[in-house]
PDB file of N, CA and C in Angstrom:
ATOM      1  N   MET A   1      84.009  22.771  83.408  1.00  0.00           N
ATOM      2  CA  MET A   1      85.181  23.616  83.303  1.00  0.00           C
ATOM      3  C   MET A   1      85.471  24.206  84.683  1.00  0.00           C
ATOM      4  N   PRO A   2      86.677  24.079  85.189  1.00  0.00           N
ATOM      5  CA  PRO A   2      86.992  24.612  86.511  1.00  0.00           C
ATOM      6  C   PRO A   2      86.988  26.144  86.512  1.00  0.00           C
ATOM      7  N   PHE A   3      86.542  26.702  87.597  1.00  0.00           N
ATOM      8  CA  PHE A   3      86.497  28.144  87.779  1.00  0.00           C
ATOM      9  C   PHE A   3      87.722  28.557  88.575  1.00  0.00           C
ATOM     10  N   THR A   4      88.487  29.519  88.058  1.00  0.00           N
ATOM     11  CA  THR A   4      89.684  29.984  88.763  1.00  0.00           C
ATOM     12  C   THR A   4      89.590  31.477  89.009  1.00  0.00           C
ATOM     13  N   SER A   5      90.435  31.981  89.877  1.00  0.00           N
ATOM     14  CA  SER A   5      90.433  33.422  90.151  1.00  0.00           C
ATOM     15  C   SER A   5      90.846  34.214  88.914  1.00  0.00           C
ATOM     16  N   ASP A   6      91.614  33.612  88.005  1.00  0.00           N
ATOM     17  CA  ASP A   6      91.980  34.296  86.763  1.00  0.00           C
ATOM     18  C   ASP A   6      90.741  34.621  85.923  1.00  0.00           C
ATOM     19  N   ASP A   7      89.698  33.808  86.075  1.00  0.00           N
ATOM     20  CA  ASP A   7      88.464  34.043  85.336  1.00  0.00           C
ATOM     21  C   ASP A   7      87.689  35.223  85.903  1.00  0.00           C
ATOM     22  N   PHE A   8      87.902  35.536  87.159  1.00  0.00           N
ATOM     23  CA  PHE A   8      87.032  36.474  87.851  1.00  0.00           C
ATOM     24  C   PHE A   8      87.716  37.755  88.322  1.00  0.00           C
ATOM     25  N   ASP A   9      88.976  37.693  88.679  1.00  0.00           N
ATOM     26  CA  ASP A   9      89.650  38.825  89.312  1.00  0.00           C
ATOM     27  C   ASP A   9      89.604  40.134  88.523  1.00  0.00           C
ATOM     28  N   PRO A  10      89.864  40.134  87.201  1.00  0.00           N
ATOM     29  CA  PRO A  10      89.803  41.425  86.478  1.00  0.00           C
ATOM     30  C   PRO A  10      88.421  42.078  86.548  1.00  0.00           C
ATOM     31  N   GLN A  11      87.365  41.271  86.451  1.00  0.00           N
ATOM     32  CA  GLN A  11      86.019  41.819  86.517  1.00  0.00           C
ATOM     33  C   GLN A  11      85.685  42.275  87.934  1.00  0.00           C
ATOM     34  N   LEU A  12      86.199  41.574  88.945  1.00  0.00           N
ATOM     35  CA  LEU A  12      85.974  41.978  90.329  1.00  0.00           C
ATOM     36  C   LEU A  12      86.596  43.345  90.583  1.00  0.00           C
ATOM     37  N   GLU A  13      87.790  43.570  90.067  1.00  0.00           N
ATOM     38  CA  GLU A  13      88.441  44.876  90.224  1.00  0.00           C
ATOM     39  C   GLU A  13      87.587  45.984  89.613  1.00  0.00           C
ATOM     40  N   LYS A  14      87.049  45.751  88.414  1.00  0.00           N
ATOM     41  CA  LYS A  14      86.198  46.750  87.762  1.00  0.00           C
ATOM     42  C   LYS A  14      84.912  46.982  88.558  1.00  0.00           C
ATOM     43  N   ALA A  15      84.329  45.908  89.085  1.00  0.00           N
ATOM     44  CA  ALA A  15      83.108  46.034  89.879  1.00  0.00           C
ATOM     45  C   ALA A  15      83.361  46.867  91.131  1.00  0.00           C
ATOM     46  N   LEU A  16      84.518  46.656  91.768  1.00  0.00           N
ATOM     47  CA  LEU A  16      84.837  47.422  92.966  1.00  0.00           C
ATOM     48  C   LEU A  16      85.070  48.896  92.647  1.00  0.00           C
ATOM     49  N   GLU A  17      85.566  49.191  91.440  1.00  0.00           N
ATOM     50  CA  GLU A  17      85.697  50.588  91.020  1.00  0.00           C
ATOM     51  C   GLU A  17      84.321  51.241  90.900  1.00  0.00           C
ATOM     52  N   LEU A  18      83.336  50.472  90.437  1.00  0.00           N
ATOM     53  CA  LEU A  18      81.980  50.998  90.291  1.00  0.00           C
ATOM     54  C   LEU A  18      81.257  51.123  91.631  1.00  0.00           C
ATOM     55  N   MET A  19      81.678  50.332  92.604  1.00  0.00           N
ATOM     56  CA  MET A  19      81.036  50.334  93.931  1.00  0.00           C
ATOM     57  C   MET A  19      82.106  50.552  94.994  1.00  0.00           C
ATOM     58  N   PRO A  20      82.672  51.764  95.078  1.00  0.00           N
ATOM     59  CA  PRO A  20      83.800  52.002  95.978  1.00  0.00           C
ATOM     60  C   PRO A  20      83.464  51.805  97.455  1.00  0.00           C
ATOM     61  N   ASP A  21      82.196  51.858  97.836  1.00  0.00           N
ATOM     62  CA  ASP A  21      81.833  51.649  99.239  1.00  0.00           C
ATOM     63  C   ASP A  21      82.210  50.252  99.716  1.00  0.00           C
ATOM     64  N   LEU A  22      82.341  49.303  98.777  1.00  0.00           N
ATOM     65  CA  LEU A  22      82.701  47.939  99.159  1.00  0.00           C
ATOM     66  C   LEU A  22      84.187  47.787  99.456  1.00  0.00           C
ATOM     67  N   LEU A  23      85.007  48.710  98.931  1.00  0.00           N
ATOM     68  CA  LEU A  23      86.447  48.620  99.178  1.00  0.00           C
ATOM     69  C   LEU A  23      86.714  48.758 100.670  1.00  0.00           C
ATOM     70  N   GLY A  24      87.456  47.853 101.207  1.00  0.00           N
ATOM     71  CA  GLY A  24      87.791  47.900 102.615  1.00  0.00           C
ATOM     72  C   GLY A  24      86.726  47.323 103.535  1.00  0.00           C
ATOM     73  N   ASP A  25      85.578  46.929 102.994  1.00  0.00           N
ATOM     74  CA  ASP A  25      84.521  46.313 103.792  1.00  0.00           C
ATOM     75  C   ASP A  25      84.868  44.838 103.970  1.00  0.00           C
ATOM     76  N   GLU A  26      85.258  44.477 105.179  1.00  0.00           N
ATOM     77  CA  GLU A  26      85.705  43.112 105.448  1.00  0.00           C
ATOM     78  C   GLU A  26      84.588  42.081 105.295  1.00  0.00           C
ATOM     79  N   THR A  27      83.316  42.529 105.347  1.00  0.00           N
ATOM     80  CA  THR A  27      82.213  41.577 105.219  1.00  0.00           C
ATOM     81  C   THR A  27      81.897  41.271 103.760  1.00  0.00           C
ATOM     82  N   ALA A  28      82.408  42.089 102.835  1.00  0.00           N
ATOM     83  CA  ALA A  28      82.163  41.852 101.409  1.00  0.00           C
ATOM     84  C   ALA A  28      83.217  40.885 100.883  1.00  0.00           C
ATOM     85  N   GLY A  29      82.799  39.968 100.083  1.00  0.00           N
ATOM     86  CA  GLY A  29      83.748  39.033  99.511  1.00  0.00           C
ATOM     87  C   GLY A  29      83.028  37.994  98.682  1.00  0.00           C
ATOM     88  N   MET A  30      83.788  37.068  98.146  1.00  0.00           N
ATOM     89  CA  MET A  30      83.230  36.017  97.323  1.00  0.00           C
ATOM     90  C   MET A  30      82.846  34.842  98.225  1.00  0.00           C
ATOM     91  N   ARG A  31      81.569  34.497  98.217  1.00  0.00           N
ATOM     92  CA  ARG A  31      81.105  33.387  99.036  1.00  0.00           C
ATOM     93  C   ARG A  31      81.148  32.076  98.256  1.00  0.00           C
ATOM     94  N   TYR A  32      80.817  32.124  96.994  1.00  0.00           N
ATOM     95  CA  TYR A  32      80.911  30.953  96.142  1.00  0.00           C
ATOM     96  C   TYR A  32      81.013  31.439  94.702  1.00  0.00           C
ATOM     97  N   ALA A  33      81.438  30.573  93.812  1.00  0.00           N
ATOM     98  CA  ALA A  33      81.621  30.945  92.419  1.00  0.00           C
ATOM     99  C   ALA A  33      80.962  29.900  91.532  1.00  0.00           C
ATOM    100  N   ILE A  34      80.451  30.367  90.412  1.00  0.00           N
ATOM    101  CA  ILE A  34      79.870  29.456  89.440  1.00  0.00           C
ATOM    102  C   ILE A  34      80.462  29.765  88.074  1.00  0.00           C
ATOM    103  N   ASN A  35      80.491  28.797  87.241  1.00  0.00           N
ATOM    104  CA  ASN A  35      80.909  28.976  85.863  1.00  0.00           C
ATOM    105  C   ASN A  35      80.024  28.049  85.055  1.00  0.00           C
ATOM    106  N   GLY A  36      78.979  28.603  84.471  1.00  0.00           N
ATOM    107  CA  GLY A  36      78.012  27.746  83.819  1.00  0.00           C
ATOM    108  C   GLY A  36      77.484  28.332  82.531  1.00  0.00           C
ATOM    109  N   LEU A  37      76.287  27.923  82.162  1.00  0.00           N
ATOM    110  CA  LEU A  37      75.663  28.342  80.917  1.00  0.00           C
ATOM    111  C   LEU A  37      75.289  29.816  80.955  1.00  0.00           C
ATOM    112  N   ILE A  38      75.236  30.417  79.795  1.00  0.00           N
ATOM    113  CA  ILE A  38      74.831  31.810  79.670  1.00  0.00           C
ATOM    114  C   ILE A  38      73.888  31.917  78.489  1.00  0.00           C
ATOM    115  N   SER A  39      72.890  32.762  78.624  1.00  0.00           N
ATOM    116  CA  SER A  39      72.016  32.991  77.478  1.00  0.00           C
ATOM    117  C   SER A  39      72.786  33.815  76.454  1.00  0.00           C
ATOM    118  N   MET A  40      72.505  33.585  75.186  1.00  0.00           N
ATOM    119  CA  MET A  40      73.240  34.260  74.117  1.00  0.00           C
ATOM    120  C   MET A  40      72.267  34.841  73.100  1.00  0.00           C
ATOM    121  N   THR A  41      72.694  35.897  72.468  1.00  0.00           N
ATOM    122  CA  THR A  41      71.954  36.478  71.352  1.00  0.00           C
ATOM    123  C   THR A  41      72.589  35.983  70.056  1.00  0.00           C
ATOM    124  N   PRO A  42      71.921  36.154  68.922  1.00  0.00           N
ATOM    125  CA  PRO A  42      72.496  35.669  67.663  1.00  0.00           C
ATOM    126  C   PRO A  42      73.868  36.248  67.322  1.00  0.00           C
ATOM    127  N   ASP A  43      74.155  37.481  67.781  1.00  0.00           N
ATOM    128  CA  ASP A  43      75.455  38.083  67.466  1.00  0.00           C
ATOM    129  C   ASP A  43      76.444  38.023  68.626  1.00  0.00           C
ATOM    130  N   GLY A  44      76.054  37.405  69.734  1.00  0.00           N
ATOM    131  CA  GLY A  44      76.959  37.228  70.855  1.00  0.00           C
ATOM    132  C   GLY A  44      77.057  38.392  71.820  1.00  0.00           C
ATOM    133  N   HIS A  45      76.358  39.481  71.562  1.00  0.00           N
ATOM    134  CA  HIS A  45      76.381  40.638  72.456  1.00  0.00           C
ATOM    135  C   HIS A  45      75.188  40.577  73.405  1.00  0.00           C
ATOM    136  N   PRO A  46      75.277  41.253  74.559  1.00  0.00           N
ATOM    137  CA  PRO A  46      74.102  41.337  75.424  1.00  0.00           C
ATOM    138  C   PRO A  46      72.973  42.097  74.726  1.00  0.00           C
ATOM    139  N   ALA A  47      71.797  42.030  75.287  1.00  0.00           N
ATOM    140  CA  ALA A  47      70.638  42.779  74.780  1.00  0.00           C
ATOM    141  C   ALA A  47      70.170  43.696  75.900  1.00  0.00           C
ATOM    142  N   ILE A  48      70.270  45.007  75.669  1.00  0.00           N
ATOM    143  CA  ILE A  48      69.949  45.999  76.695  1.00  0.00           C
ATOM    144  C   ILE A  48      69.056  47.068  76.087  1.00  0.00           C
ATOM    145  N   GLY A  49      68.015  47.450  76.800  1.00  0.00           N
ATOM    146  CA  GLY A  49      67.231  48.600  76.381  1.00  0.00           C
ATOM    147  C   GLY A  49      65.739  48.367  76.419  1.00  0.00           C
ATOM    148  N   GLU A  50      65.026  49.333  75.872  1.00  0.00           N
ATOM    149  CA  GLU A  50      63.570  49.267  75.797  1.00  0.00           C
ATOM    150  C   GLU A  50      63.184  48.337  74.652  1.00  0.00           C
ATOM    151  N   THR A  51      62.324  47.383  74.934  1.00  0.00           N
ATOM    152  CA  THR A  51      61.949  46.408  73.914  1.00  0.00           C
ATOM    153  C   THR A  51      61.153  47.072  72.799  1.00  0.00           C
ATOM    154  N   PRO A  52      61.441  46.713  71.550  1.00  0.00           N
ATOM    155  CA  PRO A  52      60.705  47.302  70.434  1.00  0.00           C
ATOM    156  C   PRO A  52      59.232  46.899  70.436  1.00  0.00           C
ATOM    157  N   GLU A  53      58.943  45.724  70.991  1.00  0.00           N
ATOM    158  CA  GLU A  53      57.573  45.202  70.956  1.00  0.00           C
ATOM    159  C   GLU A  53      56.664  45.825  72.012  1.00  0.00           C
ATOM    160  N   VAL A  54      57.227  46.228  73.156  1.00  0.00           N
ATOM    161  CA  VAL A  54      56.406  46.748  74.260  1.00  0.00           C
ATOM    162  C   VAL A  54      57.030  48.042  74.783  1.00  0.00           C
ATOM    163  N   ALA A  55      56.421  49.172  74.484  1.00  0.00           N
ATOM    164  CA  ALA A  55      56.916  50.461  74.955  1.00  0.00           C
ATOM    165  C   ALA A  55      56.924  50.486  76.482  1.00  0.00           C
ATOM    166  N   GLY A  56      57.997  50.988  77.045  1.00  0.00           N
ATOM    167  CA  GLY A  56      58.117  51.099  78.491  1.00  0.00           C
ATOM    168  C   GLY A  56      58.671  49.858  79.175  1.00  0.00           C
ATOM    169  N   LEU A  57      58.851  48.759  78.437  1.00  0.00           N
ATOM    170  CA  LEU A  57      59.414  47.534  79.010  1.00  0.00           C
ATOM    171  C   LEU A  57      60.906  47.488  78.687  1.00  0.00           C
ATOM    172  N   TRP A  58      61.725  47.597  79.702  1.00  0.00           N
ATOM    173  CA  TRP A  58      63.177  47.583  79.538  1.00  0.00           C
ATOM    174  C   TRP A  58      63.715  46.220  79.949  1.00  0.00           C
ATOM    175  N   SER A  59      64.777  45.799  79.297  1.00  0.00           N
ATOM    176  CA  SER A  59      65.315  44.474  79.543  1.00  0.00           C
ATOM    177  C   SER A  59      66.837  44.491  79.476  1.00  0.00           C
ATOM    178  N   ILE A  60      67.438  43.614  80.263  1.00  0.00           N
ATOM    179  CA  ILE A  60      68.868  43.314  80.152  1.00  0.00           C
ATOM    180  C   ILE A  60      68.958  41.799  80.078  1.00  0.00           C
ATOM    181  N   ALA A  61      69.513  41.277  79.003  1.00  0.00           N
ATOM    182  CA  ALA A  61      69.603  39.829  78.822  1.00  0.00           C
ATOM    183  C   ALA A  61      70.955  39.474  78.223  1.00  0.00           C
ATOM    184  N   ALA A  62      71.334  38.217  78.387  1.00  0.00           N
ATOM    185  CA  ALA A  62      72.566  37.665  77.815  1.00  0.00           C
ATOM    186  C   ALA A  62      73.808  38.385  78.340  1.00  0.00           C
ATOM    187  N   SER A  63      73.807  38.672  79.626  1.00  0.00           N
ATOM    188  CA  SER A  63      74.942  39.329  80.266  1.00  0.00           C
ATOM    189  C   SER A  63      75.447  38.442  81.397  1.00  0.00           C
ATOM    190  N   TRP A  64      76.745  38.314  81.509  1.00  0.00           N
ATOM    191  CA  TRP A  64      77.326  37.533  82.604  1.00  0.00           C
ATOM    192  C   TRP A  64      77.190  38.311  83.904  1.00  0.00           C
ATOM    193  N   ILE A  65      77.197  37.596  85.007  1.00  0.00           N
ATOM    194  CA  ILE A  65      77.100  38.204  86.336  1.00  0.00           C
ATOM    195  C   ILE A  65      78.222  39.218  86.541  1.00  0.00           C
ATOM    196  N   LYS A  66      79.406  38.909  86.069  1.00  0.00           N
ATOM    197  CA  LYS A  66      80.557  39.787  86.276  1.00  0.00           C
ATOM    198  C   LYS A  66      80.390  41.146  85.612  1.00  0.00           C
ATOM    199  N   GLU A  67      79.543  41.225  84.590  1.00  0.00           N
ATOM    200  CA  GLU A  67      79.307  42.499  83.917  1.00  0.00           C
ATOM    201  C   GLU A  67      78.115  43.244  84.494  1.00  0.00           C
ATOM    202  N   GLY A  68      77.414  42.609  85.428  1.00  0.00           N
ATOM    203  CA  GLY A  68      76.188  43.163  85.986  1.00  0.00           C
ATOM    204  C   GLY A  68      76.283  44.578  86.506  1.00  0.00           C
ATOM    205  N   PRO A  69      77.272  44.908  87.342  1.00  0.00           N
ATOM    206  CA  PRO A  69      77.321  46.274  87.867  1.00  0.00           C
ATOM    207  C   PRO A  69      77.455  47.341  86.779  1.00  0.00           C
ATOM    208  N   GLY A  70      78.337  47.111  85.818  1.00  0.00           N
ATOM    209  CA  GLY A  70      78.537  48.101  84.759  1.00  0.00           C
ATOM    210  C   GLY A  70      77.336  48.215  83.834  1.00  0.00           C
ATOM    211  N   ILE A  71      76.791  47.080  83.442  1.00  0.00           N
ATOM    212  CA  ILE A  71      75.630  47.092  82.550  1.00  0.00           C
ATOM    213  C   ILE A  71      74.416  47.652  83.279  1.00  0.00           C
ATOM    214  N   GLY A  72      74.275  47.307  84.562  1.00  0.00           N
ATOM    215  CA  GLY A  72      73.162  47.855  85.343  1.00  0.00           C
ATOM    216  C   GLY A  72      73.222  49.366  85.431  1.00  0.00           C
ATOM    217  N   ARG A  73      74.417  49.894  85.666  1.00  0.00           N
ATOM    218  CA  ARG A  73      74.582  51.355  85.741  1.00  0.00           C
ATOM    219  C   ARG A  73      74.275  51.996  84.380  1.00  0.00           C
ATOM    220  N   ALA A  74      74.817  51.427  83.314  1.00  0.00           N
ATOM    221  CA  ALA A  74      74.587  51.990  81.977  1.00  0.00           C
ATOM    222  C   ALA A  74      73.101  51.962  81.626  1.00  0.00           C
ATOM    223  N   ALA A  75      72.432  50.862  81.923  1.00  0.00           N
ATOM    224  CA  ALA A  75      70.998  50.766  81.628  1.00  0.00           C
ATOM    225  C   ALA A  75      70.204  51.768  82.452  1.00  0.00           C
ATOM    226  N   ALA A  76      70.562  51.948  83.721  1.00  0.00           N
ATOM    227  CA  ALA A  76      69.868  52.921  84.566  1.00  0.00           C
ATOM    228  C   ALA A  76      70.057  54.330  84.030  1.00  0.00           C
ATOM    229  N   GLN A  77      71.261  54.645  83.572  1.00  0.00           N
ATOM    230  CA  GLN A  77      71.511  55.967  82.995  1.00  0.00           C
ATOM    231  C   GLN A  77      70.671  56.161  81.733  1.00  0.00           C
ATOM    232  N   TRP A  78      70.645  55.157  80.883  1.00  0.00           N
ATOM    233  CA  TRP A  78      69.894  55.231  79.631  1.00  0.00           C
ATOM    234  C   TRP A  78      68.399  55.357  79.917  1.00  0.00           C
ATOM    235  N   LEU A  79      67.905  54.541  80.845  1.00  0.00           N
ATOM    236  CA  LEU A  79      66.495  54.546  81.218  1.00  0.00           C
ATOM    237  C   LEU A  79      66.065  55.907  81.758  1.00  0.00           C
ATOM    238  N   SER A  80      66.959  56.584  82.471  1.00  0.00           N
ATOM    239  CA  SER A  80      66.609  57.881  83.058  1.00  0.00           C
ATOM    240  C   SER A  80      66.907  59.051  82.126  1.00  0.00           C
ATOM    241  N   GLY A  81      67.252  58.757  80.866  1.00  0.00           N
ATOM    242  CA  GLY A  81      67.440  59.812  79.873  1.00  0.00           C
ATOM    243  C   GLY A  81      68.855  60.347  79.777  1.00  0.00           C
ATOM    244  N   GLU A  82      69.772  59.792  80.550  1.00  0.00           N
ATOM    245  CA  GLU A  82      71.169  60.214  80.481  1.00  0.00           C
ATOM    246  C   GLU A  82      71.895  59.419  79.392  1.00  0.00           C
ATOM    247  N   THR A  83      73.039  59.926  78.982  1.00  0.00           N
ATOM    248  CA  THR A  83      73.898  59.169  78.077  1.00  0.00           C
ATOM    249  C   THR A  83      74.756  58.252  78.940  1.00  0.00           C
ATOM    250  N   PRO A  84      74.721  56.942  78.705  1.00  0.00           N
ATOM    251  CA  PRO A  84      75.534  56.034  79.512  1.00  0.00           C
ATOM    252  C   PRO A  84      77.016  56.381  79.442  1.00  0.00           C
ATOM    253  N   GLU A  85      77.716  56.173  80.553  1.00  0.00           N
ATOM    254  CA  GLU A  85      79.155  56.451  80.625  1.00  0.00           C
ATOM    255  C   GLU A  85      79.954  55.542  79.703  1.00  0.00           C
ATOM    256  N   ILE A  86      79.435  54.336  79.453  1.00  0.00           N
ATOM    257  CA  ILE A  86      80.116  53.417  78.552  1.00  0.00           C
ATOM    258  C   ILE A  86      79.283  53.269  77.282  1.00  0.00           C
ATOM    259  N   ASP A  87      79.937  52.979  76.183  1.00  0.00           N
ATOM    260  CA  ASP A  87      79.250  52.835  74.900  1.00  0.00           C
ATOM    261  C   ASP A  87      78.586  51.461  74.829  1.00  0.00           C
ATOM    262  N   ILE A  88      77.261  51.446  74.844  1.00  0.00           N
ATOM    263  CA  ILE A  88      76.536  50.176  74.805  1.00  0.00           C
ATOM    264  C   ILE A  88      75.710  50.032  73.531  1.00  0.00           C
ATOM    265  N   HIS A  89      76.043  50.806  72.492  1.00  0.00           N
ATOM    266  CA  HIS A  89      75.225  50.765  71.275  1.00  0.00           C
ATOM    267  C   HIS A  89      75.193  49.367  70.647  1.00  0.00           C
ATOM    268  N   GLU A  90      76.287  48.605  70.758  1.00  0.00           N
ATOM    269  CA  GLU A  90      76.300  47.251  70.178  1.00  0.00           C
ATOM    270  C   GLU A  90      75.380  46.292  70.914  1.00  0.00           C
ATOM    271  N   ALA A  91      74.927  46.680  72.109  1.00  0.00           N
ATOM    272  CA  ALA A  91      74.063  45.821  72.902  1.00  0.00           C
ATOM    273  C   ALA A  91      72.598  46.261  72.858  1.00  0.00           C
ATOM    274  N   ASP A  92      72.271  47.252  72.043  1.00  0.00           N
ATOM    275  CA  ASP A  92      70.897  47.749  71.963  1.00  0.00           C
ATOM    276  C   ASP A  92      69.943  46.616  71.584  1.00  0.00           C
ATOM    277  N   ILE A  93      68.952  46.390  72.416  1.00  0.00           N
ATOM    278  CA  ILE A  93      68.008  45.290  72.200  1.00  0.00           C
ATOM    279  C   ILE A  93      67.241  45.444  70.882  1.00  0.00           C
ATOM    280  N   ALA A  94      67.146  46.665  70.387  1.00  0.00           N
ATOM    281  CA  ALA A  94      66.393  46.928  69.154  1.00  0.00           C
ATOM    282  C   ALA A  94      67.266  46.811  67.899  1.00  0.00           C
ATOM    283  N   ARG A  95      68.455  46.234  68.019  1.00  0.00           N
ATOM    284  CA  ARG A  95      69.374  46.188  66.871  1.00  0.00           C
ATOM    285  C   ARG A  95      69.034  45.126  65.846  1.00  0.00           C
ATOM    286  N   PHE A  96      68.185  44.174  66.194  1.00  0.00           N
ATOM    287  CA  PHE A  96      67.903  43.060  65.297  1.00  0.00           C
ATOM    288  C   PHE A  96      66.776  43.371  64.325  1.00  0.00           C
ATOM    289  N   TYR A  97      66.960  42.928  63.086  1.00  0.00           N
ATOM    290  CA  TYR A  97      65.883  43.002  62.096  1.00  0.00           C
ATOM    291  C   TYR A  97      64.838  41.936  62.433  1.00  0.00           C
ATOM    292  N   PRO A  98      63.605  42.094  61.958  1.00  0.00           N
ATOM    293  CA  PRO A  98      62.565  41.097  62.277  1.00  0.00           C
ATOM    294  C   PRO A  98      62.974  39.660  61.949  1.00  0.00           C
ATOM    295  N   HIS A  99      63.639  39.444  60.806  1.00  0.00           N
ATOM    296  CA  HIS A  99      64.014  38.066  60.464  1.00  0.00           C
ATOM    297  C   HIS A  99      65.056  37.503  61.434  1.00  0.00           C
ATOM    298  N   GLN A 100      65.832  38.378  62.084  1.00  0.00           N
ATOM    299  CA  GLN A 100      66.835  37.917  63.032  1.00  0.00           C
ATOM    300  C   GLN A 100      66.213  37.510  64.374  1.00  0.00           C
ATOM    301  N   ARG A 101      64.961  37.900  64.589  1.00  0.00           N
ATOM    302  CA  ARG A 101      64.269  37.512  65.820  1.00  0.00           C
ATOM    303  C   ARG A 101      63.416  36.269  65.622  1.00  0.00           C
ATOM    304  N   ALA A 102      63.376  35.738  64.414  1.00  0.00           N
ATOM    305  CA  ALA A 102      62.584  34.537  64.120  1.00  0.00           C
ATOM    306  C   ALA A 102      63.265  33.309  64.724  1.00  0.00           C
ATOM    307  N   ASN A 103      62.472  32.363  65.181  1.00  0.00           N
ATOM    308  CA  ASN A 103      63.005  31.150  65.803  1.00  0.00           C
ATOM    309  C   ASN A 103      63.992  30.414  64.899  1.00  0.00           C
ATOM    310  N   ALA A 104      63.697  30.332  63.606  1.00  0.00           N
ATOM    311  CA  ALA A 104      64.576  29.596  62.695  1.00  0.00           C
ATOM    312  C   ALA A 104      65.969  30.230  62.639  1.00  0.00           C
ATOM    313  N   HIS A 105      66.020  31.546  62.606  1.00  0.00           N
ATOM    314  CA  HIS A 105      67.312  32.241  62.542  1.00  0.00           C
ATOM    315  C   HIS A 105      68.090  32.038  63.849  1.00  0.00           C
ATOM    316  N   VAL A 106      67.420  32.232  64.965  1.00  0.00           N
ATOM    317  CA  VAL A 106      68.083  32.083  66.266  1.00  0.00           C
ATOM    318  C   VAL A 106      68.579  30.655  66.460  1.00  0.00           C
ATOM    319  N   THR A 107      67.758  29.681  66.107  1.00  0.00           N
ATOM    320  CA  THR A 107      68.154  28.283  66.233  1.00  0.00           C
ATOM    321  C   THR A 107      69.349  27.974  65.333  1.00  0.00           C
ATOM    322  N   GLY A 108      69.326  28.478  64.114  1.00  0.00           N
ATOM    323  CA  GLY A 108      70.436  28.247  63.184  1.00  0.00           C
ATOM    324  C   GLY A 108      71.735  28.859  63.674  1.00  0.00           C
ATOM    325  N   ARG A 109      71.667  30.077  64.202  1.00  0.00           N
ATOM    326  CA  ARG A 109      72.890  30.730  64.732  1.00  0.00           C
ATOM    327  C   ARG A 109      73.396  30.009  65.963  1.00  0.00           C
ATOM    328  N   ALA A 110      72.481  29.549  66.819  1.00  0.00           N
ATOM    329  CA  ALA A 110      72.886  28.834  68.034  1.00  0.00           C
ATOM    330  C   ALA A 110      73.604  27.541  67.690  1.00  0.00           C
ATOM    331  N   ALA A 111      73.164  26.880  66.627  1.00  0.00           N
ATOM    332  CA  ALA A 111      73.766  25.612  66.226  1.00  0.00           C
ATOM    333  C   ALA A 111      75.192  25.809  65.744  1.00  0.00           C
ATOM    334  N   GLU A 112      75.542  27.011  65.290  1.00  0.00           N
ATOM    335  CA  GLU A 112      76.900  27.268  64.822  1.00  0.00           C
ATOM    336  C   GLU A 112      77.928  27.167  65.950  1.00  0.00           C
ATOM    337  N   GLY A 113      77.484  27.395  67.174  1.00  0.00           N
ATOM    338  CA  GLY A 113      78.400  27.377  68.304  1.00  0.00           C
ATOM    339  C   GLY A 113      78.569  26.019  68.955  1.00  0.00           C
ATOM    340  N   VAL A 114      77.892  25.016  68.420  1.00  0.00           N
ATOM    341  CA  VAL A 114      77.939  23.682  69.034  1.00  0.00           C
ATOM    342  C   VAL A 114      79.163  22.926  68.567  1.00  0.00           C
TER     343      VAL A 114
END
């Protein structure tokens, strides 16, 4: 699938809002672009937060690069005990029931998208 600026420009604008120091920096820019595979969760949302299985282990998964700055900031706020500026409750890594984390369930949901 060809990658176009229409795929990236809206997210770039949001990223620059989050990192205003880059605005006007002539050395900052897009060096190359990719449009490829992405890891997915059974419900299609990213997985962010402290893992239920290992206390103190925080993770961000199934997020596109373009969402990285915003999700990174929200996760850092959450990790440090603050309320994230954006609502990320739908991406809470602990949202899945045990049966939803089983290989059979994940494989079955993944096959639906083929």
